[in-house]
């Protein structure tokens, strides 16, 4: 009993002095292989990961290659946390299965998006992927600031501008919706859905700059 009491006292003292900082819920960004930035990958490192763990069937969300689908996506995203194609597959599979965590995955689904933006806080595509997942699970209030950050980081990306315009249009905030829609179309975004939505609301005119 004396030993247990002494150990408890030491642990409490260490915690109080900040020596036992709790690990993030979504895990430390350390890995046996990587982590590497998906934006500037070494071709050989990326190939090693993708040929085993992010095959075409994995990307399509059909089945795993070395184990479960969740395990292969987990490996890919621990090696390349901001692998946006893998993040998109993860979201698609999780939504289809209505799963908070995929079998074989080390973390809950949202953690992989949190890890991506924590690993590369200047990656607009990672923020946009996180925002997209949040919108799809019905967390629009949390998603909008993430999407705004994505545009701030990558202002010349037509898809991100389009998605932010779409988000504002759905909220009936038409002034910013028009602003980002125009930017998206100036940058060559091909789909007319947002323009059609704004036209139907009486907020779009091709004559207006």
C-alpha atoms as a PDB file:
ATOM      1  CA  UNK A   1       0.000   0.000   0.000  1.00  0.00           C
ATOM      2  CA  UNK A   2       2.912   2.346   0.827  1.00  0.00           C
ATOM      3  CA  UNK A   3       4.463   1.805  -2.602  1.00  0.00           C
ATOM      4  CA  UNK A   4       1.128   2.438  -4.367  1.00  0.00           C
ATOM      5  CA  UNK A   5       0.537   5.616  -2.366  1.00  0.00           C
ATOM      6  CA  UNK A   6       4.040   6.895  -3.118  1.00  0.00           C
ATOM      7  CA  UNK A   7       3.641   6.147  -6.836  1.00  0.00           C
ATOM      8  CA  UNK A   8       0.277   7.946  -6.917  1.00  0.00           C
ATOM      9  CA  UNK A   9       1.824  10.981  -5.222  1.00  0.00           C
ATOM     10  CA  UNK A  10       4.671  11.055  -7.758  1.00  0.00           C
ATOM     11  CA  UNK A  11       2.232  10.840 -10.670  1.00  0.00           C
ATOM     12  CA  UNK A  12       0.086  13.658  -9.282  1.00  0.00           C
ATOM     13  CA  UNK A  13       3.154  15.822  -8.699  1.00  0.00           C
ATOM     14  CA  UNK A  14       4.429  15.194 -12.230  1.00  0.00           C
ATOM     15  CA  UNK A  15       1.036  15.982 -13.745  1.00  0.00           C
ATOM     16  CA  UNK A  16       0.794  19.200 -11.759  1.00  0.00           C
ATOM     17  CA  UNK A  17       4.236  20.311 -12.957  1.00  0.00           C
ATOM     18  CA  UNK A  18       3.313  19.653 -16.599  1.00  0.00           C
ATOM     19  CA  UNK A  19       5.647  16.684 -17.022  1.00  0.00           C
ATOM     20  CA  UNK A  20       2.810  14.336 -18.038  1.00  0.00           C
ATOM     21  CA  UNK A  21       1.329  16.214 -20.967  1.00  0.00           C
ATOM     22  CA  UNK A  22      -1.551  14.251 -22.433  1.00  0.00           C
ATOM     23  CA  UNK A  23      -1.072  13.008 -25.988  1.00  0.00           C
ATOM     24  CA  UNK A  24      -3.483  14.380 -28.589  1.00  0.00           C
ATOM     25  CA  UNK A  25      -6.581  12.245 -28.979  1.00  0.00           C
ATOM     26  CA  UNK A  26      -5.778  11.786 -32.672  1.00  0.00           C
ATOM     27  CA  UNK A  27      -2.242  10.619 -32.029  1.00  0.00           C
ATOM     28  CA  UNK A  28       1.246  11.980 -32.480  1.00  0.00           C
ATOM     29  CA  UNK A  29       2.475  12.690 -35.995  1.00  0.00           C
ATOM     30  CA  UNK A  30       5.197  10.084 -35.903  1.00  0.00           C
ATOM     31  CA  UNK A  31       5.419   6.983 -38.018  1.00  0.00           C
ATOM     32  CA  UNK A  32       7.901   4.234 -38.827  1.00  0.00           C
ATOM     33  CA  UNK A  33       7.758   5.365 -42.471  1.00  0.00           C
ATOM     34  CA  UNK A  34       7.273   9.106 -42.785  1.00  0.00           C
ATOM     35  CA  UNK A  35       5.235  11.153 -42.345  1.00  0.00           C
ATOM     36  CA  UNK A  36       5.769  12.813 -45.722  1.00  0.00           C
ATOM     37  CA  UNK A  37       4.098  15.799 -47.378  1.00  0.00           C
ATOM     38  CA  UNK A  38       1.848  14.612 -50.207  1.00  0.00           C
ATOM     39  CA  UNK A  39       2.332  17.909 -52.064  1.00  0.00           C
ATOM     40  CA  UNK A  40       6.053  17.312 -52.558  1.00  0.00           C
ATOM     41  CA  UNK A  41       6.540  13.558 -52.329  1.00  0.00           C
ATOM     42  CA  UNK A  42       9.596  11.559 -53.113  1.00  0.00           C
ATOM     43  CA  UNK A  43       8.387   9.485 -56.071  1.00  0.00           C
ATOM     44  CA  UNK A  44       9.864   6.245 -54.735  1.00  0.00           C
ATOM     45  CA  UNK A  45       8.427   6.692 -51.236  1.00  0.00           C
ATOM     46  CA  UNK A  46       4.978   7.468 -52.633  1.00  0.00           C
ATOM     47  CA  UNK A  47       5.151   4.506 -55.005  1.00  0.00           C
ATOM     48  CA  UNK A  48       6.110   2.144 -52.186  1.00  0.00           C
ATOM     49  CA  UNK A  49       3.042   3.180 -50.208  1.00  0.00           C
ATOM     50  CA  UNK A  50       0.556   3.342 -53.055  1.00  0.00           C
ATOM     51  CA  UNK A  51       1.480   0.101 -54.798  1.00  0.00           C
ATOM     52  CA  UNK A  52       0.756  -1.828 -51.607  1.00  0.00           C
ATOM     53  CA  UNK A  53      -1.821   0.214 -49.718  1.00  0.00           C
ATOM     54  CA  UNK A  54      -3.543   2.602 -52.144  1.00  0.00           C
ATOM     55  CA  UNK A  55      -4.257   0.485 -55.158  1.00  0.00           C
ATOM     56  CA  UNK A  56      -7.046   1.266 -57.613  1.00  0.00           C
ATOM     57  CA  UNK A  57      -9.441  -1.006 -55.729  1.00  0.00           C
ATOM     58  CA  UNK A  58      -8.601   0.728 -52.447  1.00  0.00           C
ATOM     59  CA  UNK A  59      -9.109   4.168 -53.985  1.00  0.00           C
ATOM     60  CA  UNK A  60     -12.467   3.079 -55.364  1.00  0.00           C
ATOM     61  CA  UNK A  61     -13.445   1.879 -51.903  1.00  0.00           C
ATOM     62  CA  UNK A  62     -13.986  -1.701 -53.085  1.00  0.00           C
ATOM     63  CA  UNK A  63     -11.636  -3.709 -50.871  1.00  0.00           C
ATOM     64  CA  UNK A  64      -8.309  -3.640 -49.074  1.00  0.00           C
ATOM     65  CA  UNK A  65      -5.118  -4.912 -50.631  1.00  0.00           C
ATOM     66  CA  UNK A  66      -2.943  -5.999 -47.710  1.00  0.00           C
ATOM     67  CA  UNK A  67      -5.756  -6.303 -45.160  1.00  0.00           C
ATOM     68  CA  UNK A  68      -8.982  -4.461 -44.539  1.00  0.00           C
ATOM     69  CA  UNK A  69      -9.830  -1.331 -46.487  1.00  0.00           C
ATOM     70  CA  UNK A  70      -9.541   0.663 -43.284  1.00  0.00           C
ATOM     71  CA  UNK A  71      -6.078  -0.729 -42.566  1.00  0.00           C
ATOM     72  CA  UNK A  72      -4.738   0.186 -46.000  1.00  0.00           C
ATOM     73  CA  UNK A  73      -6.143   3.697 -45.790  1.00  0.00           C
ATOM     74  CA  UNK A  74      -4.712   4.014 -42.289  1.00  0.00           C
ATOM     75  CA  UNK A  75      -1.235   3.035 -43.515  1.00  0.00           C
ATOM     76  CA  UNK A  76      -1.435   5.458 -46.434  1.00  0.00           C
ATOM     77  CA  UNK A  77      -2.568   8.340 -44.240  1.00  0.00           C
ATOM     78  CA  UNK A  78      -0.030   7.750 -41.515  1.00  0.00           C
ATOM     79  CA  UNK A  79       2.747   7.814 -44.137  1.00  0.00           C
ATOM     80  CA  UNK A  80       1.211  10.757 -46.058  1.00  0.00           C
ATOM     81  CA  UNK A  81      -1.255  12.481 -43.696  1.00  0.00           C
ATOM     82  CA  UNK A  82      -2.366  15.007 -46.358  1.00  0.00           C
ATOM     83  CA  UNK A  83      -2.867  12.427 -49.121  1.00  0.00           C
ATOM     84  CA  UNK A  84      -6.055  14.096 -50.354  1.00  0.00           C
ATOM     85  CA  UNK A  85      -7.155  11.231 -52.599  1.00  0.00           C
ATOM     86  CA  UNK A  86      -6.921   8.822 -49.683  1.00  0.00           C
ATOM     87  CA  UNK A  87      -8.828  11.266 -47.485  1.00  0.00           C
ATOM     88  CA  UNK A  88     -11.587  11.453 -50.088  1.00  0.00           C
ATOM     89  CA  UNK A  89     -11.796   7.648 -50.248  1.00  0.00           C
ATOM     90  CA  UNK A  90     -11.876   7.460 -46.453  1.00  0.00           C
ATOM     91  CA  UNK A  91     -14.783   9.918 -46.322  1.00  0.00           C
ATOM     92  CA  UNK A  92     -16.670   8.103 -49.080  1.00  0.00           C
ATOM     93  CA  UNK A  93     -16.309   4.690 -47.441  1.00  0.00           C
ATOM     94  CA  UNK A  94     -17.137   5.969 -43.950  1.00  0.00           C
ATOM     95  CA  UNK A  95     -20.274   7.700 -45.185  1.00  0.00           C
ATOM     96  CA  UNK A  96     -21.354   4.648 -47.148  1.00  0.00           C
ATOM     97  CA  UNK A  97     -20.859   2.404 -44.127  1.00  0.00           C
ATOM     98  CA  UNK A  98     -22.194   5.053 -41.704  1.00  0.00           C
ATOM     99  CA  UNK A  99     -19.052   4.434 -39.681  1.00  0.00           C
ATOM    100  CA  UNK A 100     -17.269   6.698 -37.222  1.00  0.00           C
ATOM    101  CA  UNK A 101     -14.204   4.442 -37.434  1.00  0.00           C
ATOM    102  CA  UNK A 102     -13.404   1.898 -40.139  1.00  0.00           C
ATOM    103  CA  UNK A 103     -12.378  -1.658 -39.205  1.00  0.00           C
ATOM    104  CA  UNK A 104      -8.583  -1.760 -39.319  1.00  0.00           C
ATOM    105  CA  UNK A 105      -8.247   1.995 -38.836  1.00  0.00           C
ATOM    106  CA  UNK A 106      -6.184   3.194 -35.922  1.00  0.00           C
ATOM    107  CA  UNK A 107      -8.210   6.372 -35.385  1.00  0.00           C
ATOM    108  CA  UNK A 108     -11.777   7.635 -35.838  1.00  0.00           C
ATOM    109  CA  UNK A 109     -12.384   8.915 -39.360  1.00  0.00           C
ATOM    110  CA  UNK A 110     -12.322  12.609 -38.455  1.00  0.00           C
ATOM    111  CA  UNK A 111      -8.919  12.162 -36.845  1.00  0.00           C
ATOM    112  CA  UNK A 112      -7.275  11.542 -40.191  1.00  0.00           C
ATOM    113  CA  UNK A 113      -8.496  14.943 -41.401  1.00  0.00           C
ATOM    114  CA  UNK A 114      -7.392  16.603 -38.149  1.00  0.00           C
ATOM    115  CA  UNK A 115      -3.973  14.978 -38.522  1.00  0.00           C
ATOM    116  CA  UNK A 116      -3.710  16.215 -42.110  1.00  0.00           C
ATOM    117  CA  UNK A 117      -4.223  19.879 -41.223  1.00  0.00           C
ATOM    118  CA  UNK A 118      -2.059  19.554 -38.120  1.00  0.00           C
ATOM    119  CA  UNK A 119       0.756  18.066 -40.197  1.00  0.00           C
ATOM    120  CA  UNK A 120       0.565  20.687 -42.968  1.00  0.00           C
ATOM    121  CA  UNK A 121      -1.301  23.740 -41.624  1.00  0.00           C
ATOM    122  CA  UNK A 122      -0.511  25.645 -44.839  1.00  0.00           C
ATOM    123  CA  UNK A 123      -2.119  23.089 -47.182  1.00  0.00           C
ATOM    124  CA  UNK A 124      -5.361  24.497 -48.574  1.00  0.00           C
ATOM    125  CA  UNK A 125      -6.333  21.177 -50.148  1.00  0.00           C
ATOM    126  CA  UNK A 126      -6.124  19.414 -46.772  1.00  0.00           C
ATOM    127  CA  UNK A 127      -8.361  22.054 -45.178  1.00  0.00           C
ATOM    128  CA  UNK A 128     -10.808  21.753 -48.081  1.00  0.00           C
ATOM    129  CA  UNK A 129     -10.908  17.969 -47.703  1.00  0.00           C
ATOM    130  CA  UNK A 130     -11.630  18.337 -43.985  1.00  0.00           C
ATOM    131  CA  UNK A 131     -14.367  20.871 -44.708  1.00  0.00           C
ATOM    132  CA  UNK A 132     -15.898  18.570 -47.307  1.00  0.00           C
ATOM    133  CA  UNK A 133     -16.084  15.715 -44.830  1.00  0.00           C
ATOM    134  CA  UNK A 134     -17.636  17.942 -42.171  1.00  0.00           C
ATOM    135  CA  UNK A 135     -20.309  19.165 -44.583  1.00  0.00           C
ATOM    136  CA  UNK A 136     -21.165  15.611 -45.545  1.00  0.00           C
ATOM    137  CA  UNK A 137     -21.708  14.600 -41.921  1.00  0.00           C
ATOM    138  CA  UNK A 138     -23.900  17.636 -41.282  1.00  0.00           C
ATOM    139  CA  UNK A 139     -21.430  19.864 -39.407  1.00  0.00           C
ATOM    140  CA  UNK A 140     -21.744  22.963 -41.602  1.00  0.00           C
ATOM    141  CA  UNK A 141     -20.949  25.425 -38.802  1.00  0.00           C
ATOM    142  CA  UNK A 142     -17.631  23.712 -38.158  1.00  0.00           C
ATOM    143  CA  UNK A 143     -16.935  23.243 -41.867  1.00  0.00           C
ATOM    144  CA  UNK A 144     -17.342  26.844 -43.055  1.00  0.00           C
ATOM    145  CA  UNK A 145     -14.304  28.303 -41.202  1.00  0.00           C
ATOM    146  CA  UNK A 146     -12.235  25.365 -42.467  1.00  0.00           C
ATOM    147  CA  UNK A 147     -13.286  26.122 -46.048  1.00  0.00           C
ATOM    148  CA  UNK A 148     -12.612  29.836 -45.581  1.00  0.00           C
ATOM    149  CA  UNK A 149      -9.118  28.913 -44.374  1.00  0.00           C
ATOM    150  CA  UNK A 150      -8.665  26.703 -47.442  1.00  0.00           C
ATOM    151  CA  UNK A 151      -9.407  29.648 -49.770  1.00  0.00           C
ATOM    152  CA  UNK A 152      -7.087  31.874 -47.761  1.00  0.00           C
ATOM    153  CA  UNK A 153      -4.292  29.331 -48.207  1.00  0.00           C
ATOM    154  CA  UNK A 154      -5.015  28.531 -51.852  1.00  0.00           C
ATOM    155  CA  UNK A 155      -6.844  31.546 -53.332  1.00  0.00           C
ATOM    156  CA  UNK A 156      -6.284  30.538 -56.963  1.00  0.00           C
ATOM    157  CA  UNK A 157      -7.864  27.103 -56.623  1.00  0.00           C
ATOM    158  CA  UNK A 158     -11.116  27.098 -58.642  1.00  0.00           C
ATOM    159  CA  UNK A 159     -12.670  24.112 -56.864  1.00  0.00           C
ATOM    160  CA  UNK A 160     -12.121  25.526 -53.386  1.00  0.00           C
ATOM    161  CA  UNK A 161     -13.545  28.916 -54.441  1.00  0.00           C
ATOM    162  CA  UNK A 162     -16.552  27.148 -55.976  1.00  0.00           C
ATOM    163  CA  UNK A 163     -17.208  25.103 -52.841  1.00  0.00           C
ATOM    164  CA  UNK A 164     -16.996  28.168 -50.599  1.00  0.00           C
ATOM    165  CA  UNK A 165     -19.389  30.026 -52.899  1.00  0.00           C
ATOM    166  CA  UNK A 166     -21.736  27.055 -52.798  1.00  0.00           C
ATOM    167  CA  UNK A 167     -21.589  26.951 -49.001  1.00  0.00           C
ATOM    168  CA  UNK A 168     -22.517  30.635 -48.781  1.00  0.00           C
ATOM    169  CA  UNK A 169     -25.303  30.226 -51.363  1.00  0.00           C
ATOM    170  CA  UNK A 170     -26.850  27.408 -49.331  1.00  0.00           C
ATOM    171  CA  UNK A 171     -26.809  29.746 -46.327  1.00  0.00           C
ATOM    172  CA  UNK A 172     -28.457  32.467 -48.507  1.00  0.00           C
ATOM    173  CA  UNK A 173     -25.444  34.716 -47.955  1.00  0.00           C
ATOM    174  CA  UNK A 174     -25.471  35.817 -51.543  1.00  0.00           C
ATOM    175  CA  UNK A 175     -22.868  38.593 -51.623  1.00  0.00           C
ATOM    176  CA  UNK A 176     -19.952  36.317 -50.651  1.00  0.00           C
ATOM    177  CA  UNK A 177     -21.515  33.507 -52.682  1.00  0.00           C
ATOM    178  CA  UNK A 178     -21.358  35.643 -55.828  1.00  0.00           C
ATOM    179  CA  UNK A 179     -17.834  36.802 -54.997  1.00  0.00           C
ATOM    180  CA  UNK A 180     -16.432  33.272 -54.772  1.00  0.00           C
ATOM    181  CA  UNK A 181     -18.531  31.996 -57.652  1.00  0.00           C
ATOM    182  CA  UNK A 182     -17.100  34.667 -59.949  1.00  0.00           C
ATOM    183  CA  UNK A 183     -13.586  33.836 -58.798  1.00  0.00           C
ATOM    184  CA  UNK A 184     -14.159  30.126 -59.441  1.00  0.00           C
ATOM    185  CA  UNK A 185     -15.481  30.721 -62.951  1.00  0.00           C
ATOM    186  CA  UNK A 186     -12.711  33.198 -63.752  1.00  0.00           C
ATOM    187  CA  UNK A 187     -10.269  30.441 -62.807  1.00  0.00           C
ATOM    188  CA  UNK A 188     -12.006  28.034 -65.174  1.00  0.00           C
ATOM    189  CA  UNK A 189     -14.299  25.954 -62.967  1.00  0.00           C
ATOM    190  CA  UNK A 190     -16.438  23.989 -65.462  1.00  0.00           C
ATOM    191  CA  UNK A 191     -19.698  23.150 -63.682  1.00  0.00           C
ATOM    192  CA  UNK A 192     -22.615  25.627 -63.843  1.00  0.00           C
ATOM    193  CA  UNK A 193     -24.461  24.470 -60.724  1.00  0.00           C
ATOM    194  CA  UNK A 194     -23.545  27.417 -58.503  1.00  0.00           C
ATOM    195  CA  UNK A 195     -24.249  29.934 -61.266  1.00  0.00           C
ATOM    196  CA  UNK A 196     -27.629  28.303 -61.853  1.00  0.00           C
ATOM    197  CA  UNK A 197     -28.420  28.433 -58.129  1.00  0.00           C
ATOM    198  CA  UNK A 198     -27.537  32.121 -57.930  1.00  0.00           C
ATOM    199  CA  UNK A 199     -29.454  32.881 -61.120  1.00  0.00           C
ATOM    200  CA  UNK A 200     -32.559  31.179 -59.714  1.00  0.00           C
ATOM    201  CA  UNK A 201     -32.217  33.327 -56.593  1.00  0.00           C
ATOM    202  CA  UNK A 202     -32.004  36.456 -58.737  1.00  0.00           C
ATOM    203  CA  UNK A 203     -28.426  37.137 -57.605  1.00  0.00           C
ATOM    204  CA  UNK A 204     -26.433  36.425 -60.750  1.00  0.00           C
ATOM    205  CA  UNK A 205     -26.049  38.505 -63.887  1.00  0.00           C
ATOM    206  CA  UNK A 206     -23.418  37.918 -66.529  1.00  0.00           C
ATOM    207  CA  UNK A 207     -23.416  41.664 -67.116  1.00  0.00           C
ATOM    208  CA  UNK A 208     -22.390  42.451 -63.540  1.00  0.00           C
ATOM    209  CA  UNK A 209     -18.642  42.517 -62.947  1.00  0.00           C
END
